[in-house]
Protein backbone atom coordinates (compact mmCIF):
# COMPACT_ATOMS: atom_id res chain seq x y z
CA MET A 1 -15.31 3.80 -23.27
CA SER A 2 -13.46 5.44 -20.39
CA ASP A 3 -14.01 9.10 -19.66
CA PRO A 4 -10.98 11.18 -20.73
CA THR A 5 -9.50 13.59 -18.24
CA PRO A 6 -11.52 16.73 -18.89
CA PRO A 7 -10.29 20.27 -18.78
CA PRO A 8 -11.14 22.12 -15.57
CA PRO A 9 -14.66 23.53 -15.48
CA ALA A 10 -14.73 27.04 -16.79
CA THR A 11 -16.93 30.03 -17.09
CA VAL A 12 -17.11 30.35 -20.85
CA ARG A 13 -18.07 34.01 -21.14
CA ARG A 14 -20.19 36.53 -19.37
CA SER A 15 -20.92 40.09 -20.33
CA ASP A 16 -20.56 42.92 -17.85
CA ASP A 17 -24.32 43.38 -17.58
CA ALA A 18 -25.21 39.71 -16.99
CA PRO A 19 -27.86 39.44 -14.23
CA GLY A 20 -26.28 36.47 -12.52
CA ALA A 21 -28.19 33.31 -13.51
CA THR A 22 -25.75 30.44 -13.85
CA LEU A 23 -26.14 27.91 -16.65
CA LEU A 24 -24.24 24.65 -17.14
CA ILE A 25 -23.94 23.42 -20.71
CA VAL A 26 -22.76 19.84 -21.19
CA ASP A 27 -21.59 18.51 -24.55
CA ASP A 28 -18.58 16.48 -25.69
CA GLN A 29 -18.27 18.61 -28.86
CA PRO A 30 -16.39 21.92 -28.29
CA GLU A 31 -18.15 23.57 -31.23
CA ASN A 32 -21.57 22.93 -29.65
CA LEU A 33 -20.35 24.41 -26.37
CA ALA A 34 -19.09 27.46 -28.23
CA VAL A 35 -22.37 28.00 -30.06
CA LEU A 36 -24.51 27.72 -26.93
CA ALA A 37 -22.11 29.98 -25.02
CA GLU A 38 -22.37 32.57 -27.77
CA ILE A 39 -26.19 32.44 -27.64
CA LEU A 40 -26.52 32.57 -23.85
CA SER A 41 -23.56 34.32 -22.26
CA ASP A 42 -24.72 37.86 -23.00
CA HIS A 43 -27.47 37.36 -20.43
CA HIS A 44 -26.19 34.60 -18.15
CA ARG A 45 -23.11 33.24 -16.47
CA VAL A 46 -22.24 30.11 -18.46
CA ARG A 47 -20.19 27.16 -17.23
CA ALA A 48 -19.19 24.26 -19.47
CA ALA A 49 -18.46 20.55 -19.12
CA ARG A 50 -17.34 18.15 -21.84
CA SER A 51 -18.31 14.86 -20.17
CA GLY A 52 -20.91 13.41 -17.83
CA LEU A 53 -18.49 13.01 -14.91
CA GLN A 54 -17.27 16.57 -15.23
CA ALA A 55 -20.87 17.79 -15.44
CA LEU A 56 -21.72 16.06 -12.14
CA ARG A 57 -18.73 17.69 -10.42
CA VAL A 58 -19.51 21.15 -11.78
CA ALA A 59 -23.21 20.91 -10.95
CA ALA A 60 -22.44 20.05 -7.31
CA SER A 61 -19.84 22.81 -6.83
CA PRO A 62 -20.51 26.51 -6.25
CA PRO A 63 -21.85 28.45 -7.90
CA ARG A 64 -24.35 25.69 -8.59
CA PRO A 65 -26.24 26.14 -11.85
CA ASP A 66 -29.79 27.39 -12.03
CA LEU A 67 -30.32 25.34 -15.21
CA VAL A 68 -28.48 22.57 -17.06
CA LEU A 69 -28.46 22.12 -20.84
CA LEU A 70 -27.44 18.50 -21.26
CA ASP A 71 -26.48 16.66 -24.45
CA ILE A 72 -27.90 13.14 -24.69
CA MET A 73 -25.36 11.47 -26.97
CA MET A 74 -22.02 11.56 -25.14
CA PRO A 75 -19.31 8.91 -24.81
CA GLY A 76 -18.80 7.16 -21.49
CA MET A 77 -21.87 8.47 -19.70
CA ASP A 78 -24.85 9.56 -21.77
CA GLY A 79 -27.29 12.28 -20.84
CA PHE A 80 -29.86 9.88 -19.37
CA GLU A 81 -27.35 8.57 -16.83
CA VAL A 82 -26.15 12.08 -15.99
CA LEU A 83 -29.76 13.13 -15.35
CA GLU A 84 -30.34 10.08 -13.15
CA ARG A 85 -27.27 10.91 -11.05
CA LEU A 86 -28.22 14.57 -10.79
CA ARG A 87 -31.62 13.55 -9.46
CA ALA A 88 -30.02 11.15 -6.95
CA ASN A 89 -27.84 13.88 -5.39
CA PRO A 90 -29.60 16.13 -2.84
CA LEU A 91 -27.36 19.03 -3.92
CA THR A 92 -28.47 18.85 -7.57
CA ARG A 93 -31.85 17.11 -7.67
CA ALA A 94 -33.79 20.39 -7.85
CA ILE A 95 -31.82 21.83 -10.80
CA PRO A 96 -33.98 21.79 -13.96
CA VAL A 97 -32.44 20.00 -16.94
CA ILE A 98 -33.12 20.68 -20.63
CA PHE A 99 -31.98 17.92 -22.97
CA VAL A 100 -30.04 18.97 -26.07
CA THR A 101 -30.25 16.50 -28.92
CA ALA A 102 -29.96 16.11 -32.65
CA LEU A 103 -32.26 13.11 -32.51
CA ASP A 104 -35.75 13.31 -33.91
CA ASP A 105 -36.80 10.44 -31.69
CA THR A 106 -40.11 10.64 -29.83
CA ARG A 107 -39.20 7.61 -27.74
CA SER A 108 -36.02 9.27 -26.43
CA GLU A 109 -37.96 12.45 -25.75
CA VAL A 110 -40.53 10.55 -23.68
CA GLN A 111 -37.74 8.70 -21.87
CA GLY A 112 -36.05 11.96 -20.94
CA LEU A 113 -39.21 13.70 -19.79
CA THR A 114 -40.16 10.64 -17.76
CA ALA A 115 -36.71 10.70 -16.11
CA GLY A 116 -37.23 14.30 -15.07
CA ALA A 117 -36.03 16.57 -17.88
CA VAL A 118 -38.13 19.73 -18.20
CA ASP A 119 -37.74 20.29 -21.94
CA TYR A 120 -35.84 19.53 -25.17
CA ILE A 121 -33.80 21.77 -27.46
CA SER A 122 -32.91 20.40 -30.88
CA LYS A 123 -29.78 20.87 -32.96
CA PRO A 124 -29.07 22.86 -35.01
CA PHE A 125 -29.73 25.66 -32.55
CA ILE A 126 -32.11 28.52 -33.26
CA PRO A 127 -30.88 31.33 -30.95
CA ALA A 128 -34.33 32.84 -30.28
CA VAL A 129 -35.78 29.41 -29.39
CA VAL A 130 -32.84 28.56 -27.10
CA GLN A 131 -33.08 31.92 -25.31
CA ALA A 132 -36.86 31.67 -24.94
CA ARG A 133 -36.77 28.12 -23.55
CA VAL A 134 -33.97 29.01 -21.13
CA ARG A 135 -35.78 32.16 -19.98
CA THR A 136 -39.05 30.26 -19.43
CA HIS A 137 -37.47 27.54 -17.32
CA LEU A 138 -35.38 30.00 -15.29
CA GLU A 139 -38.53 31.96 -14.50
CA LEU A 140 -40.28 28.74 -13.45
CA LYS A 141 -37.33 27.78 -11.26
CA TRP A 142 -37.18 31.20 -9.63
CA ALA A 143 -40.92 31.05 -9.00
CA ARG A 144 -40.52 27.63 -7.36
CA ASP A 145 -37.60 28.92 -5.31
CA ARG A 146 -39.60 31.93 -4.13
CA LEU A 147 -42.53 29.70 -3.22
CA ARG A 148 -40.21 27.31 -1.39
CA ASP A 149 -38.59 30.19 0.51
CA GLN A 150 -42.01 31.61 1.39
CA ASN A 151 -43.18 28.20 2.58
CA THR A 152 -40.01 27.81 4.65
CA TRP A 153 -40.55 31.24 6.18
CA LEU A 154 -44.20 30.45 6.88
CA GLU A 155 -43.28 27.14 8.51
CA GLN A 156 -40.68 28.88 10.67
CA GLU A 157 -43.13 31.64 11.56
CA VAL A 158 -45.85 29.14 12.47
CA SER A 159 -43.34 27.18 14.55
CA ARG A 160 -42.16 30.37 16.28
CA ARG A 161 -45.69 31.47 17.09
CA MET A 162 -46.68 28.03 18.31
CA GLU A 163 -43.61 27.98 20.55
CA GLU A 164 -44.47 31.46 21.78
CA ASN A 165 -48.09 30.45 22.46
CA THR A 166 -46.93 27.35 24.32
CA MET A 167 -44.59 29.46 26.41
CA ILE A 168 -47.33 31.97 27.20
CA GLN A 169 -49.64 29.09 28.07
CA GLU A 170 -47.08 27.51 30.41
CA VAL A 171 -46.27 30.83 32.08
CA SER A 172 -49.97 31.55 32.57
CA ILE A 173 -50.54 28.10 34.06
CA ARG A 174 -47.58 28.51 36.40
CA ALA A 175 -48.81 31.96 37.45
CA LEU A 176 -52.32 30.66 38.18
CA ALA A 177 -50.98 27.65 40.03
CA HIS A 178 -48.69 29.91 42.05
CA LEU A 179 -51.74 31.78 43.32
CA ALA A 180 -52.74 28.61 45.14
CA GLU A 181 -49.17 27.80 46.11
CA ILE A 182 -48.37 31.13 47.78
CA ARG A 183 -51.45 30.77 49.98
CA ASP A 184 -50.32 27.32 51.11
CA LEU A 185 -46.81 28.02 52.34
CA GLU A 186 -45.98 24.37 52.80
CA THR A 187 -46.24 23.30 49.16
CA GLY A 188 -42.98 24.89 47.92
CA ASN A 189 -41.82 22.94 44.88
CA HIS A 190 -44.91 20.74 44.94
CA ILE A 191 -45.82 21.83 41.39
CA LEU A 192 -42.44 20.85 39.95
CA ARG A 193 -42.40 17.55 41.79
CA THR A 194 -45.91 16.50 40.79
CA GLN A 195 -45.22 17.46 37.17
CA GLY A 196 -42.14 15.26 37.30
CA TYR A 197 -44.02 12.33 38.87
CA VAL A 198 -46.83 12.54 36.31
CA LEU A 199 -44.37 12.66 33.42
CA GLU A 200 -42.46 9.66 34.78
CA LEU A 201 -45.62 7.69 35.46
CA ALA A 202 -47.13 8.41 32.05
CA GLY A 203 -43.88 7.49 30.33
CA ARG A 204 -43.79 4.13 32.12
CA LEU A 205 -47.42 3.36 31.21
CA ARG A 206 -47.46 4.59 27.62
CA HIS A 207 -46.84 1.14 26.10
CA HIS A 208 -49.20 -0.69 28.47
CA PRO A 209 -52.17 -2.20 26.56
CA ARG A 210 -54.67 -0.36 28.78
CA PHE A 211 -53.12 3.05 28.15
CA SER A 212 -51.22 3.02 24.85
CA ALA A 213 -54.13 4.40 22.81
CA VAL A 214 -54.38 7.46 25.08
CA LEU A 215 -50.85 8.10 26.30
CA THR A 216 -49.39 9.50 23.10
CA ASN A 217 -46.47 11.93 23.17
CA HIS A 218 -48.91 14.77 22.57
CA PHE A 219 -51.27 13.71 25.37
CA ILE A 220 -48.39 13.38 27.82
CA GLU A 221 -47.07 16.82 26.86
CA VAL A 222 -50.48 18.42 27.42
CA LEU A 223 -51.01 16.42 30.63
CA VAL A 224 -47.74 17.64 32.13
CA ARG A 225 -48.52 21.22 31.09
CA SER A 226 -51.96 21.02 32.74
CA ALA A 227 -50.87 19.30 35.94
CA PRO A 228 -49.92 22.46 37.90
CA LEU A 229 -53.59 23.54 37.98
CA HIS A 230 -54.69 20.52 40.03
CA ASP A 231 -54.99 22.55 43.26
CA ILE A 232 -56.08 25.89 41.77
CA GLY A 233 -59.33 25.60 43.74
CA LYS A 234 -57.42 26.18 46.99
CA VAL A 235 -57.58 29.91 46.28
CA GLY A 236 -61.21 29.64 47.39
CA ILE A 237 -60.43 28.03 50.77
CA PRO A 238 -60.35 30.40 53.79
CA ASP A 239 -56.92 31.00 55.34
CA GLN A 240 -57.95 29.71 58.76
CA ILE A 241 -58.59 26.31 57.16
CA LEU A 242 -55.92 26.22 54.47
CA LEU A 243 -53.15 27.39 56.83
CA LYS A 244 -54.32 25.70 60.01
CA PRO A 245 -51.24 24.27 61.83
CA GLY A 246 -52.86 20.99 62.72
CA PRO A 247 -55.52 18.45 61.75
CA LEU A 248 -58.82 19.74 60.41
CA ASP A 249 -62.07 19.01 62.22
CA PRO A 250 -64.94 17.44 60.22
CA GLN A 251 -66.54 20.78 59.35
CA GLU A 252 -63.23 22.26 58.24
CA TRP A 253 -62.44 19.14 56.24
CA ALA A 254 -65.77 19.42 54.43
CA VAL A 255 -64.80 22.95 53.37
CA MET A 256 -61.30 21.87 52.36
CA LYS A 257 -62.71 19.19 50.07
CA THR A 258 -64.61 21.79 48.08
CA HIS A 259 -61.33 22.94 46.50
CA ALA A 260 -61.63 20.18 43.88
CA ALA A 261 -64.99 21.38 42.61
CA LEU A 262 -64.00 25.05 42.97
CA GLY A 263 -60.95 24.53 40.76
CA ALA A 264 -62.91 22.62 38.12
CA GLU A 265 -65.63 25.28 38.06
CA ALA A 266 -63.07 28.07 37.62
CA ILE A 267 -61.50 26.28 34.66
CA ALA A 268 -64.94 25.49 33.19
CA TRP A 269 -65.79 29.20 33.39
CA ALA A 270 -62.58 29.98 31.47
CA GLU A 271 -63.54 27.37 28.85
CA ARG A 272 -66.94 28.98 28.35
CA SER A 273 -65.29 32.32 27.62
CA ILE A 274 -63.39 31.06 24.55
CA PRO A 275 -64.85 30.07 21.15
CA ARG A 276 -63.40 26.55 20.97
CA GLN A 277 -62.34 23.82 23.33
CA LEU A 278 -58.67 23.71 24.36
CA GLU A 279 -57.28 20.29 25.24
CA PHE A 280 -55.04 21.52 28.03
CA LEU A 281 -57.98 23.21 29.78
CA THR A 282 -60.07 20.06 29.45
CA LEU A 283 -57.34 17.98 31.09
CA ALA A 284 -56.74 20.66 33.72
CA ARG A 285 -60.45 20.62 34.61
CA GLU A 286 -60.49 16.82 34.84
CA ILE A 287 -57.39 16.80 37.05
CA ALA A 288 -58.65 19.60 39.30
CA ARG A 289 -62.04 17.97 39.90
CA TRP A 290 -61.14 14.30 40.13
CA HIS A 291 -57.58 13.93 41.43
CA HIS A 292 -59.01 13.09 44.87
CA GLU A 293 -61.26 10.31 43.58
CA ARG A 294 -60.32 6.76 44.55
CA TRP A 295 -60.28 3.55 42.52
CA ASP A 296 -62.75 1.98 45.01
CA GLY A 297 -65.21 4.89 44.74
CA GLN A 298 -64.55 6.28 48.22
CA GLY A 299 -63.01 9.57 47.08
CA TYR A 300 -64.46 13.01 46.42
CA PRO A 301 -66.17 15.11 45.10
CA ASP A 302 -68.24 12.71 42.95
CA GLY A 303 -67.45 9.23 44.25
CA LEU A 304 -66.24 7.99 40.86
CA SER A 305 -64.60 4.57 40.75
CA GLY A 306 -62.29 2.58 38.49
CA GLU A 307 -62.08 3.78 34.92
CA GLN A 308 -64.92 6.24 35.47
CA ILE A 309 -62.10 8.43 36.76
CA PRO A 310 -60.30 10.09 33.80
CA LEU A 311 -56.79 8.77 33.29
CA ALA A 312 -55.18 12.18 33.83
CA ALA A 313 -56.82 12.43 37.25
CA ARG A 314 -55.80 8.86 38.16
CA LEU A 315 -52.15 9.61 37.47
CA MET A 316 -52.32 12.89 39.38
CA ALA A 317 -53.97 11.14 42.33
CA LEU A 318 -50.95 8.91 42.82
CA ALA A 319 -48.47 11.73 42.21
CA ASP A 320 -50.24 14.06 44.65
CA VAL A 321 -50.49 11.52 47.45
CA PHE A 322 -46.86 10.44 47.10
CA ASP A 323 -45.72 14.04 47.28
CA ALA A 324 -47.87 14.69 50.34
CA LEU A 325 -46.36 11.66 52.06
CA VAL A 326 -42.71 12.57 51.47
CA SER A 327 -43.12 16.32 52.13
CA ALA A 328 -43.14 18.05 55.50
CA ARG A 329 -46.19 20.04 56.53
CA VAL A 330 -46.86 22.22 59.58
CA TYR A 331 -48.95 19.37 60.97
CA LYS A 332 -46.66 16.43 60.06
CA SER A 333 -43.12 15.35 59.24
CA ALA A 334 -42.03 13.97 55.89
CA LEU A 335 -42.17 10.18 55.73
CA PRO A 336 -39.12 8.18 54.62
CA PHE A 337 -39.30 7.21 50.96
CA ALA A 338 -39.52 3.49 51.73
CA GLU A 339 -42.51 4.03 54.01
CA ALA A 340 -44.25 6.20 51.41
CA ARG A 341 -43.68 3.50 48.80
CA GLU A 342 -45.33 0.90 51.02
CA ILE A 343 -48.36 3.15 51.60
CA ILE A 344 -48.78 3.65 47.83
CA ALA A 345 -48.35 -0.09 47.24
CA LYS A 346 -51.03 -0.88 49.83
CA GLY A 347 -53.39 1.46 47.98
CA ARG A 348 -53.22 -0.71 44.85
CA GLY A 349 -56.77 -1.42 43.70
CA THR A 350 -58.34 0.60 46.52
CA HIS A 351 -57.02 4.14 46.36
CA PHE A 352 -55.13 3.90 43.05
CA ASP A 353 -55.31 2.33 39.61
CA PRO A 354 -53.53 -1.04 40.05
CA ASP A 355 -51.39 -0.70 36.92
CA ALA A 356 -50.34 2.81 37.89
CA VAL A 357 -49.15 1.47 41.26
CA ASP A 358 -47.21 -1.32 39.55
CA ALA A 359 -45.45 1.22 37.31
CA PHE A 360 -44.69 3.42 40.33
CA VAL A 361 -43.22 0.59 42.36
CA ALA A 362 -41.17 -0.71 39.44
CA GLY A 363 -39.65 2.72 38.82
CA PHE A 364 -39.58 3.94 42.40
CA ASP A 365 -35.96 5.12 42.31
CA ALA A 366 -36.85 7.60 39.55
CA PHE A 367 -39.72 9.03 41.61
CA ALA A 368 -37.48 9.36 44.67
CA ALA A 369 -34.88 11.16 42.53
CA ILE A 370 -37.50 13.68 41.39
CA ALA A 371 -38.49 14.32 45.00
CA ARG A 372 -34.86 14.93 45.98
CA ARG A 373 -34.18 17.15 42.96
CA HIS A 374 -37.01 19.54 43.85
CA GLN A 375 -37.06 19.21 47.62
CA ASP A 376 -38.24 22.17 49.68
CA ALA A 377 -35.94 24.18 51.87
CA ALA A 378 -36.91 23.61 55.49
CA THR A 379 -38.92 26.60 56.75
CA HIS A 380 -39.85 25.24 60.15
CA GLU A 381 -39.08 22.48 62.59
CA PRO A 382 -41.07 19.39 61.62
CA ALA A 383 -43.96 18.71 63.95
CA PRO A 384 -44.90 15.27 65.22
CA PRO A 385 -46.94 13.26 62.69
CA ALA A 386 -50.67 13.92 62.62
CA VAL A 387 -53.38 12.57 60.38
CA THR A 388 -56.23 14.59 58.94
CA PRO A 389 -59.69 12.97 58.83
CA ALA A 390 -59.24 11.96 55.16
CA GLY A 391 -55.61 10.90 55.03
CA PRO A 392 -52.37 12.39 53.77
CA ALA A 393 -53.38 14.49 50.77
CA PRO A 394 -55.94 17.28 51.25
């Protein structure tokens, strides 16, 4: 049977002191609508629909009902189908539905409750029962709504505080890293560049079988946040060594190399002062101590080799050396990008993790773009190239 064109949805009646809850009553019999409206409209705003299709339109239009009283036996679309469609619509799926029926049929009652109805009201109507059931389910809905709103607020507040903590963490890291940077006037945007290289390198390796279990989105995010602290130990190096405008002699170089252990010890001290381990400090300590280790075991301070070197430090090792090669220093000129690429490539399996070098070479244009984006402003005339006793990256 086709659905007849219904009258426009209407607010049946509402007294002047109604508190504002909106009810939708659905029944194809006008007399049933009138009776329910008479029972309920002194305390609620009541809207009416005489068919299933009209009920769906009214329920999805403002003001959306807080509760639906839905007749089961209607022509065209019965109450079970109306309920199913209400539950399928995101705008109406949370509205509680009470079935209204003249049937004394336990099977239909179970079917309706299983489909999602919250209760049944039987005809003929007993006003006190109708009002009590409606009041109970409105109170339950309002309680759920308050809980949902509180949960939403709590989620937003947790998110805001986490974002704030992350920002404070990043600012603190940048401030600490800048302490080392301002003492070494030649590093300039070194922090930004090495962060960019590490992010690019980790992104290119994240699906590699050797690294996929470790290089999750979260790990990469923490790694990039920790990377600026790799040279924090330089704050402990005397100015006459750190700022020397030329190659270091063996004794000076021995002092310079202590910056790796000094940085790791400073971060370890910070870790001991807090009640629980923080992942970004752990990675920062690993990077600070071991980013000068070499794949072949010839690095410092501990002579680690291969996968003994933590992955974060291996990635920083390549990033740090590349940046040293393509950046000008008081004791050397910046190398052309192509020459720096060849030096990194020759370090495959000796200085650097072989797979990290392969990823670097394959994506070299991206690394060069990062270097150009954060290049330093020239602060001095480049000096002729010179090599320190341990190579390009102190």
